[in-house]
Amino acid sequence: MRVRGVVVCAAACLLGMTALPAQEREDRTLLSHDQMRSIVNEASGERAMHTLLELVPYQRVRPASEYQGAFRESEVMARLAKEYGYTDVRIESFPSGPQWQPSVGE
């Protein structure tokens, strides 16, 4: 009985090992390996992390003077867009109701 269990386990291991070489090496694309490497190297998380670090310090209660013009986040995004090569970058503002700043919360 014990020998039969060992044989079944060994057969299952051998069967599992034969399925591994049949798997694909990597995703198939229309791009060459060098082109894919270039995209992967360019799309690391460094730019996203830099953008996040630029925006995080501005999450706070804003002074009333900031409501007169563009928010700091808008100015940062406009600056980054210009750095990335966009030429027609502008911050648009639209009429809205009166703004308020909370002083007490529940």
PDB file of N, CA and C in Angstrom:
ATOM      1  N   MET A   1       0.823  -1.187   0.000  1.00  0.00           N
ATOM      2  CA  MET A   1       0.000   0.000   0.000  1.00  0.00           C
ATOM      3  C   MET A   1       0.871   1.257   0.000  1.00  0.00           C
ATOM      4  N   ARG A   2       1.925   1.231   0.784  1.00  0.00           N
ATOM      5  CA  ARG A   2       2.812   2.381   0.864  1.00  0.00           C
ATOM      6  C   ARG A   2       3.598   2.566  -0.438  1.00  0.00           C
ATOM      7  N   VAL A   3       4.011   1.473  -1.025  1.00  0.00           N
ATOM      8  CA  VAL A   3       4.760   1.528  -2.281  1.00  0.00           C
ATOM      9  C   VAL A   3       3.878   2.108  -3.383  1.00  0.00           C
ATOM     10  N   ARG A   4       2.620   1.751  -3.355  1.00  0.00           N
ATOM     11  CA  ARG A   4       1.691   2.261  -4.371  1.00  0.00           C
ATOM     12  C   ARG A   4       1.562   3.785  -4.262  1.00  0.00           C
ATOM     13  N   GLY A   5       1.516   4.329  -3.059  1.00  0.00           N
ATOM     14  CA  GLY A   5       1.431   5.773  -2.860  1.00  0.00           C
ATOM     15  C   GLY A   5       2.671   6.490  -3.377  1.00  0.00           C
ATOM     16  N   VAL A   6       3.844   5.895  -3.142  1.00  0.00           N
ATOM     17  CA  VAL A   6       5.090   6.484  -3.627  1.00  0.00           C
ATOM     18  C   VAL A   6       5.114   6.480  -5.149  1.00  0.00           C
ATOM     19  N   VAL A   7       4.659   5.400  -5.761  1.00  0.00           N
ATOM     20  CA  VAL A   7       4.635   5.299  -7.225  1.00  0.00           C
ATOM     21  C   VAL A   7       3.670   6.330  -7.807  1.00  0.00           C
ATOM     22  N   VAL A   8       2.508   6.488  -7.192  1.00  0.00           N
ATOM     23  CA  VAL A   8       1.531   7.468  -7.676  1.00  0.00           C
ATOM     24  C   VAL A   8       2.100   8.885  -7.548  1.00  0.00           C
ATOM     25  N   CYS A   9       2.763   9.161  -6.446  1.00  0.00           N
ATOM     26  CA  CYS A   9       3.358  10.488  -6.236  1.00  0.00           C
ATOM     27  C   CYS A   9       4.468  10.751  -7.256  1.00  0.00           C
ATOM     28  N   ALA A  10       5.306   9.758  -7.510  1.00  0.00           N
ATOM     29  CA  ALA A  10       6.384   9.914  -8.493  1.00  0.00           C
ATOM     30  C   ALA A  10       5.811  10.112  -9.892  1.00  0.00           C
ATOM     31  N   ALA A  11       4.757   9.386 -10.221  1.00  0.00           N
ATOM     32  CA  ALA A  11       4.132   9.537 -11.539  1.00  0.00           C
ATOM     33  C   ALA A  11       3.524  10.929 -11.694  1.00  0.00           C
ATOM     34  N   ALA A  12       2.911  11.436 -10.632  1.00  0.00           N
ATOM     35  CA  ALA A  12       2.332  12.778 -10.689  1.00  0.00           C
ATOM     36  C   ALA A  12       3.424  13.831 -10.868  1.00  0.00           C
ATOM     37  N   CYS A  13       4.558  13.656 -10.187  1.00  0.00           N
ATOM     38  CA  CYS A  13       5.676  14.600 -10.344  1.00  0.00           C
ATOM     39  C   CYS A  13       6.226  14.568 -11.765  1.00  0.00           C
ATOM     40  N   LEU A  14       6.397  13.380 -12.318  1.00  0.00           N
ATOM     41  CA  LEU A  14       6.898  13.270 -13.692  1.00  0.00           C
ATOM     42  C   LEU A  14       5.920  13.879 -14.684  1.00  0.00           C
ATOM     43  N   LEU A  15       4.646  13.656 -14.468  1.00  0.00           N
ATOM     44  CA  LEU A  15       3.634  14.220 -15.357  1.00  0.00           C
ATOM     45  C   LEU A  15       3.637  15.744 -15.277  1.00  0.00           C
ATOM     46  N   GLY A  16       3.813  16.290 -14.089  1.00  0.00           N
ATOM     47  CA  GLY A  16       3.870  17.738 -13.924  1.00  0.00           C
ATOM     48  C   GLY A  16       5.105  18.344 -14.564  1.00  0.00           C
ATOM     49  N   MET A  17       6.218  17.633 -14.536  1.00  0.00           N
ATOM     50  CA  MET A  17       7.451  18.143 -15.128  1.00  0.00           C
ATOM     51  C   MET A  17       7.392  18.142 -16.653  1.00  0.00           C
ATOM     52  N   THR A  18       6.640  17.254 -17.236  1.00  0.00           N
ATOM     53  CA  THR A  18       6.566  17.215 -18.701  1.00  0.00           C
ATOM     54  C   THR A  18       5.732  18.361 -19.250  1.00  0.00           C
ATOM     55  N   ALA A  19       4.846  18.948 -18.449  1.00  0.00           N
ATOM     56  CA  ALA A  19       4.003  20.039 -18.933  1.00  0.00           C
ATOM     57  C   ALA A  19       4.758  21.371 -18.960  1.00  0.00           C
ATOM     58  N   LEU A  20       5.824  21.512 -18.199  1.00  0.00           N
ATOM     59  CA  LEU A  20       6.545  22.777 -18.129  1.00  0.00           C
ATOM     60  C   LEU A  20       7.179  23.208 -19.450  1.00  0.00           C
ATOM     61  N   PRO A  21       7.881  22.346 -20.186  1.00  0.00           N
ATOM     62  CA  PRO A  21       8.493  22.810 -21.431  1.00  0.00           C
ATOM     63  C   PRO A  21       7.482  23.224 -22.496  1.00  0.00           C
ATOM     64  N   ALA A  22       6.239  22.831 -22.365  1.00  0.00           N
ATOM     65  CA  ALA A  22       5.237  23.161 -23.370  1.00  0.00           C
ATOM     66  C   ALA A  22       4.725  24.590 -23.235  1.00  0.00           C
ATOM     67  N   GLN A  23       5.074  25.274 -22.164  1.00  0.00           N
ATOM     68  CA  GLN A  23       4.589  26.633 -21.969  1.00  0.00           C
ATOM     69  C   GLN A  23       5.361  27.609 -22.851  1.00  0.00           C
ATOM     70  N   GLU A  24       4.705  28.728 -23.183  1.00  0.00           N
ATOM     71  CA  GLU A  24       5.350  29.752 -24.003  1.00  0.00           C
ATOM     72  C   GLU A  24       6.452  30.447 -23.215  1.00  0.00           C
ATOM     73  N   ARG A  25       7.463  30.920 -23.932  1.00  0.00           N
ATOM     74  CA  ARG A  25       8.575  31.602 -23.296  1.00  0.00           C
ATOM     75  C   ARG A  25       8.150  32.937 -22.713  1.00  0.00           C
ATOM     76  N   GLU A  26       7.505  33.768 -23.501  1.00  0.00           N
ATOM     77  CA  GLU A  26       7.011  35.066 -23.055  1.00  0.00           C
ATOM     78  C   GLU A  26       5.889  35.482 -23.994  1.00  0.00           C
ATOM     79  N   ASP A  27       5.243  36.589 -23.689  1.00  0.00           N
ATOM     80  CA  ASP A  27       4.146  37.057 -24.529  1.00  0.00           C
ATOM     81  C   ASP A  27       4.634  37.341 -25.941  1.00  0.00           C
ATOM     82  N   ARG A  28       3.840  36.964 -26.911  1.00  0.00           N
ATOM     83  CA  ARG A  28       4.192  37.229 -28.302  1.00  0.00           C
ATOM     84  C   ARG A  28       3.672  38.604 -28.690  1.00  0.00           C
ATOM     85  N   THR A  29       4.515  39.400 -29.303  1.00  0.00           N
ATOM     86  CA  THR A  29       4.129  40.732 -29.750  1.00  0.00           C
ATOM     87  C   THR A  29       4.633  40.936 -31.165  1.00  0.00           C
ATOM     88  N   LEU A  30       4.213  42.017 -31.766  1.00  0.00           N
ATOM     89  CA  LEU A  30       4.696  42.368 -33.097  1.00  0.00           C
ATOM     90  C   LEU A  30       5.996  43.158 -33.027  1.00  0.00           C
ATOM     91  N   LEU A  31       6.433  43.489 -31.827  1.00  0.00           N
ATOM     92  CA  LEU A  31       7.661  44.260 -31.641  1.00  0.00           C
ATOM     93  C   LEU A  31       8.839  43.330 -31.396  1.00  0.00           C
ATOM     94  N   SER A  32      10.009  43.794 -31.762  1.00  0.00           N
ATOM     95  CA  SER A  32      11.212  43.001 -31.505  1.00  0.00           C
ATOM     96  C   SER A  32      11.554  43.046 -30.012  1.00  0.00           C
ATOM     97  N   HIS A  33      12.466  42.177 -29.627  1.00  0.00           N
ATOM     98  CA  HIS A  33      12.874  42.132 -28.224  1.00  0.00           C
ATOM     99  C   HIS A  33      13.526  43.455 -27.806  1.00  0.00           C
ATOM    100  N   ASP A  34      14.333  44.052 -28.689  1.00  0.00           N
ATOM    101  CA  ASP A  34      14.983  45.334 -28.370  1.00  0.00           C
ATOM    102  C   ASP A  34      13.961  46.450 -28.194  1.00  0.00           C
ATOM    103  N   GLN A  35      12.928  46.468 -29.048  1.00  0.00           N
ATOM    104  CA  GLN A  35      11.888  47.486 -28.912  1.00  0.00           C
ATOM    105  C   GLN A  35      11.127  47.307 -27.603  1.00  0.00           C
ATOM    106  N   MET A  36      10.820  46.073 -27.255  1.00  0.00           N
ATOM    107  CA  MET A  36      10.125  45.813 -25.986  1.00  0.00           C
ATOM    108  C   MET A  36      10.999  46.234 -24.799  1.00  0.00           C
ATOM    109  N   ARG A  37      12.303  45.949 -24.857  1.00  0.00           N
ATOM    110  CA  ARG A  37      13.218  46.359 -23.789  1.00  0.00           C
ATOM    111  C   ARG A  37      13.235  47.871 -23.656  1.00  0.00           C
ATOM    112  N   SER A  38      13.233  48.594 -24.771  1.00  0.00           N
ATOM    113  CA  SER A  38      13.237  50.062 -24.730  1.00  0.00           C
ATOM    114  C   SER A  38      11.980  50.591 -24.055  1.00  0.00           C
ATOM    115  N   ILE A  39      10.836  50.005 -24.381  1.00  0.00           N
ATOM    116  CA  ILE A  39       9.571  50.436 -23.776  1.00  0.00           C
ATOM    117  C   ILE A  39       9.573  50.144 -22.280  1.00  0.00           C
ATOM    118  N   VAL A  40      10.012  48.955 -21.906  1.00  0.00           N
ATOM    119  CA  VAL A  40      10.033  48.580 -20.489  1.00  0.00           C
ATOM    120  C   VAL A  40      10.986  49.485 -19.711  1.00  0.00           C
ATOM    121  N   ASN A  41      12.135  49.783 -20.284  1.00  0.00           N
ATOM    122  CA  ASN A  41      13.091  50.654 -19.590  1.00  0.00           C
ATOM    123  C   ASN A  41      12.562  52.075 -19.453  1.00  0.00           C
ATOM    124  N   GLU A  42      11.829  52.545 -20.451  1.00  0.00           N
ATOM    125  CA  GLU A  42      11.292  53.910 -20.407  1.00  0.00           C
ATOM    126  C   GLU A  42      10.099  54.001 -19.460  1.00  0.00           C
ATOM    127  N   ALA A  43       9.343  52.928 -19.344  1.00  0.00           N
ATOM    128  CA  ALA A  43       8.112  52.943 -18.555  1.00  0.00           C
ATOM    129  C   ALA A  43       8.331  52.390 -17.150  1.00  0.00           C
ATOM    130  N   SER A  44       9.506  52.592 -16.610  1.00  0.00           N
ATOM    131  CA  SER A  44       9.724  52.177 -15.225  1.00  0.00           C
ATOM    132  C   SER A  44       8.824  53.027 -14.338  1.00  0.00           C
ATOM    133  N   GLY A  45       8.884  52.931 -13.089  1.00  0.00           N
ATOM    134  CA  GLY A  45       8.012  53.729 -12.239  1.00  0.00           C
ATOM    135  C   GLY A  45       8.614  55.049 -11.815  1.00  0.00           C
ATOM    136  N   GLU A  46       9.782  55.388 -12.358  1.00  0.00           N
ATOM    137  CA  GLU A  46      10.491  56.578 -11.881  1.00  0.00           C
ATOM    138  C   GLU A  46       9.739  57.869 -12.180  1.00  0.00           C
ATOM    139  N   ARG A  47       9.215  58.010 -13.397  1.00  0.00           N
ATOM    140  CA  ARG A  47       8.478  59.238 -13.727  1.00  0.00           C
ATOM    141  C   ARG A  47       7.198  59.346 -12.914  1.00  0.00           C
ATOM    142  N   ALA A  48       6.494  58.238 -12.779  1.00  0.00           N
ATOM    143  CA  ALA A  48       5.254  58.261 -12.000  1.00  0.00           C
ATOM    144  C   ALA A  48       5.544  58.626 -10.547  1.00  0.00           C
ATOM    145  N   MET A  49       6.617  58.084  -9.999  1.00  0.00           N
ATOM    146  CA  MET A  49       6.975  58.398  -8.616  1.00  0.00           C
ATOM    147  C   MET A  49       7.369  59.867  -8.477  1.00  0.00           C
ATOM    148  N   HIS A  50       8.076  60.393  -9.459  1.00  0.00           N
ATOM    149  CA  HIS A  50       8.461  61.810  -9.428  1.00  0.00           C
ATOM    150  C   HIS A  50       7.220  62.703  -9.450  1.00  0.00           C
ATOM    151  N   THR A  51       6.262  62.374 -10.313  1.00  0.00           N
ATOM    152  CA  THR A  51       5.022  63.154 -10.388  1.00  0.00           C
ATOM    153  C   THR A  51       4.264  63.077  -9.069  1.00  0.00           C
ATOM    154  N   LEU A  52       4.203  61.891  -8.500  1.00  0.00           N
ATOM    155  CA  LEU A  52       3.516  61.720  -7.221  1.00  0.00           C
ATOM    156  C   LEU A  52       4.180  62.548  -6.124  1.00  0.00           C
ATOM    157  N   LEU A  53       5.497  62.542  -6.093  1.00  0.00           N
ATOM    158  CA  LEU A  53       6.203  63.322  -5.073  1.00  0.00           C
ATOM    159  C   LEU A  53       6.020  64.819  -5.278  1.00  0.00           C
ATOM    160  N   GLU A  54       5.785  65.243  -6.512  1.00  0.00           N
ATOM    161  CA  GLU A  54       5.509  66.657  -6.774  1.00  0.00           C
ATOM    162  C   GLU A  54       4.124  67.054  -6.268  1.00  0.00           C
ATOM    163  N   LEU A  55       3.162  66.134  -6.317  1.00  0.00           N
ATOM    164  CA  LEU A  55       1.784  66.475  -5.965  1.00  0.00           C
ATOM    165  C   LEU A  55       1.445  66.230  -4.498  1.00  0.00           C
ATOM    166  N   VAL A  56       2.107  65.296  -3.855  1.00  0.00           N
ATOM    167  CA  VAL A  56       1.752  64.925  -2.481  1.00  0.00           C
ATOM    168  C   VAL A  56       1.888  66.080  -1.494  1.00  0.00           C
ATOM    169  N   PRO A  57       2.928  66.911  -1.553  1.00  0.00           N
ATOM    170  CA  PRO A  57       3.037  67.956  -0.529  1.00  0.00           C
ATOM    171  C   PRO A  57       1.900  68.965  -0.550  1.00  0.00           C
ATOM    172  N   TYR A  58       1.092  68.981  -1.595  1.00  0.00           N
ATOM    173  CA  TYR A  58       0.068  70.004  -1.716  1.00  0.00           C
ATOM    174  C   TYR A  58      -1.293  69.547  -1.192  1.00  0.00           C
ATOM    175  N   GLN A  59      -1.376  68.353  -0.615  1.00  0.00           N
ATOM    176  CA  GLN A  59      -2.643  67.902  -0.049  1.00  0.00           C
ATOM    177  C   GLN A  59      -2.773  68.492   1.350  1.00  0.00           C
ATOM    178  N   ARG A  60      -3.471  69.585   1.443  1.00  0.00           N
ATOM    179  CA  ARG A  60      -3.586  70.298   2.711  1.00  0.00           C
ATOM    180  C   ARG A  60      -4.760  71.259   2.623  1.00  0.00           C
ATOM    181  N   VAL A  61      -5.041  71.922   3.731  1.00  0.00           N
ATOM    182  CA  VAL A  61      -6.044  72.980   3.713  1.00  0.00           C
ATOM    183  C   VAL A  61      -5.398  74.176   3.043  1.00  0.00           C
ATOM    184  N   ARG A  62      -6.022  74.661   2.010  1.00  0.00           N
ATOM    185  CA  ARG A  62      -5.434  75.728   1.199  1.00  0.00           C
ATOM    186  C   ARG A  62      -5.707  77.095   1.824  1.00  0.00           C
ATOM    187  N   PRO A  63      -4.760  78.008   1.685  1.00  0.00           N
ATOM    188  CA  PRO A  63      -5.044  79.378   2.123  1.00  0.00           C
ATOM    189  C   PRO A  63      -6.039  80.025   1.164  1.00  0.00           C
ATOM    190  N   ALA A  64      -6.725  81.023   1.630  1.00  0.00           N
ATOM    191  CA  ALA A  64      -7.738  81.685   0.798  1.00  0.00           C
ATOM    192  C   ALA A  64      -7.127  82.308  -0.451  1.00  0.00           C
ATOM    193  N   SER A  65      -5.866  82.711  -0.393  1.00  0.00           N
ATOM    194  CA  SER A  65      -5.220  83.339  -1.555  1.00  0.00           C
ATOM    195  C   SER A  65      -5.083  82.370  -2.727  1.00  0.00           C
ATOM    196  N   GLU A  66      -5.018  81.071  -2.448  1.00  0.00           N
ATOM    197  CA  GLU A  66      -4.863  80.097  -3.533  1.00  0.00           C
ATOM    198  C   GLU A  66      -6.143  79.952  -4.355  1.00  0.00           C
ATOM    199  N   TYR A  67      -7.274  80.343  -3.795  1.00  0.00           N
ATOM    200  CA  TYR A  67      -8.535  80.251  -4.538  1.00  0.00           C
ATOM    201  C   TYR A  67      -8.685  81.378  -5.558  1.00  0.00           C
ATOM    202  N   GLN A  68      -7.806  82.364  -5.518  1.00  0.00           N
ATOM    203  CA  GLN A  68      -7.889  83.471  -6.471  1.00  0.00           C
ATOM    204  C   GLN A  68      -7.316  83.081  -7.832  1.00  0.00           C
ATOM    205  N   GLY A  69      -6.343  82.189  -7.874  1.00  0.00           N
ATOM    206  CA  GLY A  69      -5.714  81.771  -9.128  1.00  0.00           C
ATOM    207  C   GLY A  69      -5.811  80.263  -9.287  1.00  0.00           C
ATOM    208  N   ALA A  70      -4.826  79.690  -9.959  1.00  0.00           N
ATOM    209  CA  ALA A  70      -4.800  78.238 -10.168  1.00  0.00           C
ATOM    210  C   ALA A  70      -4.233  77.548  -8.929  1.00  0.00           C
ATOM    211  N   PHE A  71      -4.694  76.337  -8.690  1.00  0.00           N
ATOM    212  CA  PHE A  71      -4.152  75.550  -7.586  1.00  0.00           C
ATOM    213  C   PHE A  71      -2.709  75.162  -7.901  1.00  0.00           C
ATOM    214  N   ARG A  72      -1.951  74.858  -6.875  1.00  0.00           N
ATOM    215  CA  ARG A  72      -0.556  74.458  -7.083  1.00  0.00           C
ATOM    216  C   ARG A  72      -0.458  73.197  -7.929  1.00  0.00           C
ATOM    217  N   GLU A  73      -1.375  72.252  -7.734  1.00  0.00           N
ATOM    218  CA  GLU A  73      -1.341  71.022  -8.519  1.00  0.00           C
ATOM    219  C   GLU A  73      -1.479  71.320 -10.006  1.00  0.00           C
ATOM    220  N   SER A  74      -2.339  72.274 -10.349  1.00  0.00           N
ATOM    221  CA  SER A  74      -2.519  72.645 -11.754  1.00  0.00           C
ATOM    222  C   SER A  74      -1.238  73.226 -12.322  1.00  0.00           C
ATOM    223  N   GLU A  75      -0.573  74.053 -11.547  1.00  0.00           N
ATOM    224  CA  GLU A  75       0.682  74.646 -12.009  1.00  0.00           C
ATOM    225  C   GLU A  75       1.766  73.587 -12.173  1.00  0.00           C
ATOM    226  N   VAL A  76       1.810  72.618 -11.257  1.00  0.00           N
ATOM    227  CA  VAL A  76       2.790  71.534 -11.370  1.00  0.00           C
ATOM    228  C   VAL A  76       2.516  70.707 -12.618  1.00  0.00           C
ATOM    229  N   MET A  77       1.251  70.363 -12.866  1.00  0.00           N
ATOM    230  CA  MET A  77       0.926  69.555 -14.043  1.00  0.00           C
ATOM    231  C   MET A  77       1.217  70.310 -15.331  1.00  0.00           C
ATOM    232  N   ALA A  78       0.965  71.607 -15.357  1.00  0.00           N
ATOM    233  CA  ALA A  78       1.283  72.405 -16.546  1.00  0.00           C
ATOM    234  C   ALA A  78       2.793  72.434 -16.775  1.00  0.00           C
ATOM    235  N   ARG A  79       3.549  72.585 -15.707  1.00  0.00           N
ATOM    236  CA  ARG A  79       5.011  72.588 -15.842  1.00  0.00           C
ATOM    237  C   ARG A  79       5.522  71.246 -16.347  1.00  0.00           C
ATOM    238  N   LEU A  80       4.985  70.138 -15.806  1.00  0.00           N
ATOM    239  CA  LEU A  80       5.405  68.811 -16.257  1.00  0.00           C
ATOM    240  C   LEU A  80       5.023  68.575 -17.712  1.00  0.00           C
ATOM    241  N   ALA A  81       3.855  69.043 -18.130  1.00  0.00           N
ATOM    242  CA  ALA A  81       3.447  68.883 -19.528  1.00  0.00           C
ATOM    243  C   ALA A  81       4.405  69.623 -20.450  1.00  0.00           C
ATOM    244  N   LYS A  82       4.844  70.805 -20.047  1.00  0.00           N
ATOM    245  CA  LYS A  82       5.822  71.549 -20.856  1.00  0.00           C
ATOM    246  C   LYS A  82       7.158  70.825 -20.896  1.00  0.00           C
ATOM    247  N   GLU A  83       7.551  70.225 -19.768  1.00  0.00           N
ATOM    248  CA  GLU A  83       8.801  69.459 -19.742  1.00  0.00           C
ATOM    249  C   GLU A  83       8.726  68.243 -20.651  1.00  0.00           C
ATOM    250  N   TYR A  84       7.546  67.633 -20.780  1.00  0.00           N
ATOM    251  CA  TYR A  84       7.386  66.451 -21.626  1.00  0.00           C
ATOM    252  C   TYR A  84       7.266  66.806 -23.097  1.00  0.00           C
ATOM    253  N   GLY A  85       7.201  68.113 -23.430  1.00  0.00           N
ATOM    254  CA  GLY A  85       7.219  68.506 -24.823  1.00  0.00           C
ATOM    255  C   GLY A  85       5.933  69.077 -25.372  1.00  0.00           C
ATOM    256  N   TYR A  86       4.900  69.216 -24.563  1.00  0.00           N
ATOM    257  CA  TYR A  86       3.664  69.830 -25.049  1.00  0.00           C
ATOM    258  C   TYR A  86       3.885  71.337 -25.179  1.00  0.00           C
ATOM    259  N   THR A  87       3.392  71.911 -26.273  1.00  0.00           N
ATOM    260  CA  THR A  87       3.646  73.333 -26.513  1.00  0.00           C
ATOM    261  C   THR A  87       2.458  74.212 -26.136  1.00  0.00           C
ATOM    262  N   ASP A  88       1.255  73.742 -26.366  1.00  0.00           N
ATOM    263  CA  ASP A  88       0.063  74.557 -26.102  1.00  0.00           C
ATOM    264  C   ASP A  88      -0.530  74.165 -24.750  1.00  0.00           C
ATOM    265  N   VAL A  89       0.143  74.548 -23.684  1.00  0.00           N
ATOM    266  CA  VAL A  89      -0.296  74.194 -22.330  1.00  0.00           C
ATOM    267  C   VAL A  89      -0.827  75.447 -21.657  1.00  0.00           C
ATOM    268  N   ARG A  90      -2.041  75.353 -21.160  1.00  0.00           N
ATOM    269  CA  ARG A  90      -2.608  76.479 -20.411  1.00  0.00           C
ATOM    270  C   ARG A  90      -3.579  75.927 -19.367  1.00  0.00           C
ATOM    271  N   ILE A  91      -3.729  76.666 -18.313  1.00  0.00           N
ATOM    272  CA  ILE A  91      -4.657  76.290 -17.252  1.00  0.00           C
ATOM    273  C   ILE A  91      -5.934  77.083 -17.468  1.00  0.00           C
ATOM    274  N   GLU A  92      -7.015  76.380 -17.671  1.00  0.00           N
ATOM    275  CA  GLU A  92      -8.299  77.036 -17.898  1.00  0.00           C
ATOM    276  C   GLU A  92      -9.080  77.078 -16.597  1.00  0.00           C
ATOM    277  N   SER A  93      -9.810  78.142 -16.401  1.00  0.00           N
ATOM    278  CA  SER A  93     -10.690  78.233 -15.236  1.00  0.00           C
ATOM    279  C   SER A  93     -12.076  78.632 -15.724  1.00  0.00           C
ATOM    280  N   PHE A  94     -13.059  78.131 -15.051  1.00  0.00           N
ATOM    281  CA  PHE A  94     -14.444  78.365 -15.432  1.00  0.00           C
ATOM    282  C   PHE A  94     -15.186  78.983 -14.255  1.00  0.00           C
ATOM    283  N   PRO A  95     -16.196  79.794 -14.527  1.00  0.00           N
ATOM    284  CA  PRO A  95     -16.935  80.418 -13.426  1.00  0.00           C
ATOM    285  C   PRO A  95     -17.615  79.359 -12.556  1.00  0.00           C
ATOM    286  N   SER A  96     -17.603  79.614 -11.274  1.00  0.00           N
ATOM    287  CA  SER A  96     -18.247  78.690 -10.338  1.00  0.00           C
ATOM    288  C   SER A  96     -18.824  79.482  -9.181  1.00  0.00           C
ATOM    289  N   GLY A  97     -19.465  78.776  -8.297  1.00  0.00           N
ATOM    290  CA  GLY A  97     -20.049  79.412  -7.125  1.00  0.00           C
ATOM    291  C   GLY A  97     -18.971  79.845  -6.152  1.00  0.00           C
ATOM    292  N   PRO A  98     -19.373  80.448  -5.050  1.00  0.00           N
ATOM    293  CA  PRO A  98     -18.383  80.911  -4.069  1.00  0.00           C
ATOM    294  C   PRO A  98     -17.662  79.722  -3.421  1.00  0.00           C
ATOM    295  N   GLN A  99     -16.388  79.894  -3.160  1.00  0.00           N
ATOM    296  CA  GLN A  99     -15.580  78.864  -2.510  1.00  0.00           C
ATOM    297  C   GLN A  99     -15.617  79.075  -1.004  1.00  0.00           C
ATOM    298  N   TRP A 100     -15.398  78.033  -0.253  1.00  0.00           N
ATOM    299  CA  TRP A 100     -15.396  78.162   1.189  1.00  0.00           C
ATOM    300  C   TRP A 100     -14.276  77.317   1.754  1.00  0.00           C
ATOM    301  N   GLN A 101     -13.835  77.662   2.938  1.00  0.00           N
ATOM    302  CA  GLN A 101     -12.790  76.934   3.629  1.00  0.00           C
ATOM    303  C   GLN A 101     -13.355  76.495   4.977  1.00  0.00           C
ATOM    304  N   PRO A 102     -13.425  75.200   5.227  1.00  0.00           N
ATOM    305  CA  PRO A 102     -14.010  74.745   6.491  1.00  0.00           C
ATOM    306  C   PRO A 102     -13.122  75.123   7.676  1.00  0.00           C
ATOM    307  N   SER A 103     -13.761  75.498   8.754  1.00  0.00           N
ATOM    308  CA  SER A 103     -13.001  75.825   9.960  1.00  0.00           C
ATOM    309  C   SER A 103     -13.287  74.828  11.080  1.00  0.00           C
ATOM    310  N   VAL A 104     -14.444  74.158  11.037  1.00  0.00           N
ATOM    311  CA  VAL A 104     -14.807  73.183  12.064  1.00  0.00           C
ATOM    312  C   VAL A 104     -15.472  72.000  11.371  1.00  0.00           C
ATOM    313  N   GLY A 105     -15.169  70.806  11.838  1.00  0.00           N
ATOM    314  CA  GLY A 105     -15.799  69.611  11.288  1.00  0.00           C
ATOM    315  C   GLY A 105     -16.319  68.724  12.398  1.00  0.00           C
ATOM    316  N   GLU A 106     -17.145  67.781  12.028  1.00  0.00           N
ATOM    317  CA  GLU A 106     -17.704  66.874  13.035  1.00  0.00           C
ATOM    318  C   GLU A 106     -16.798  65.698  13.250  1.00  0.00           C
TER     319      GLU A 106
END
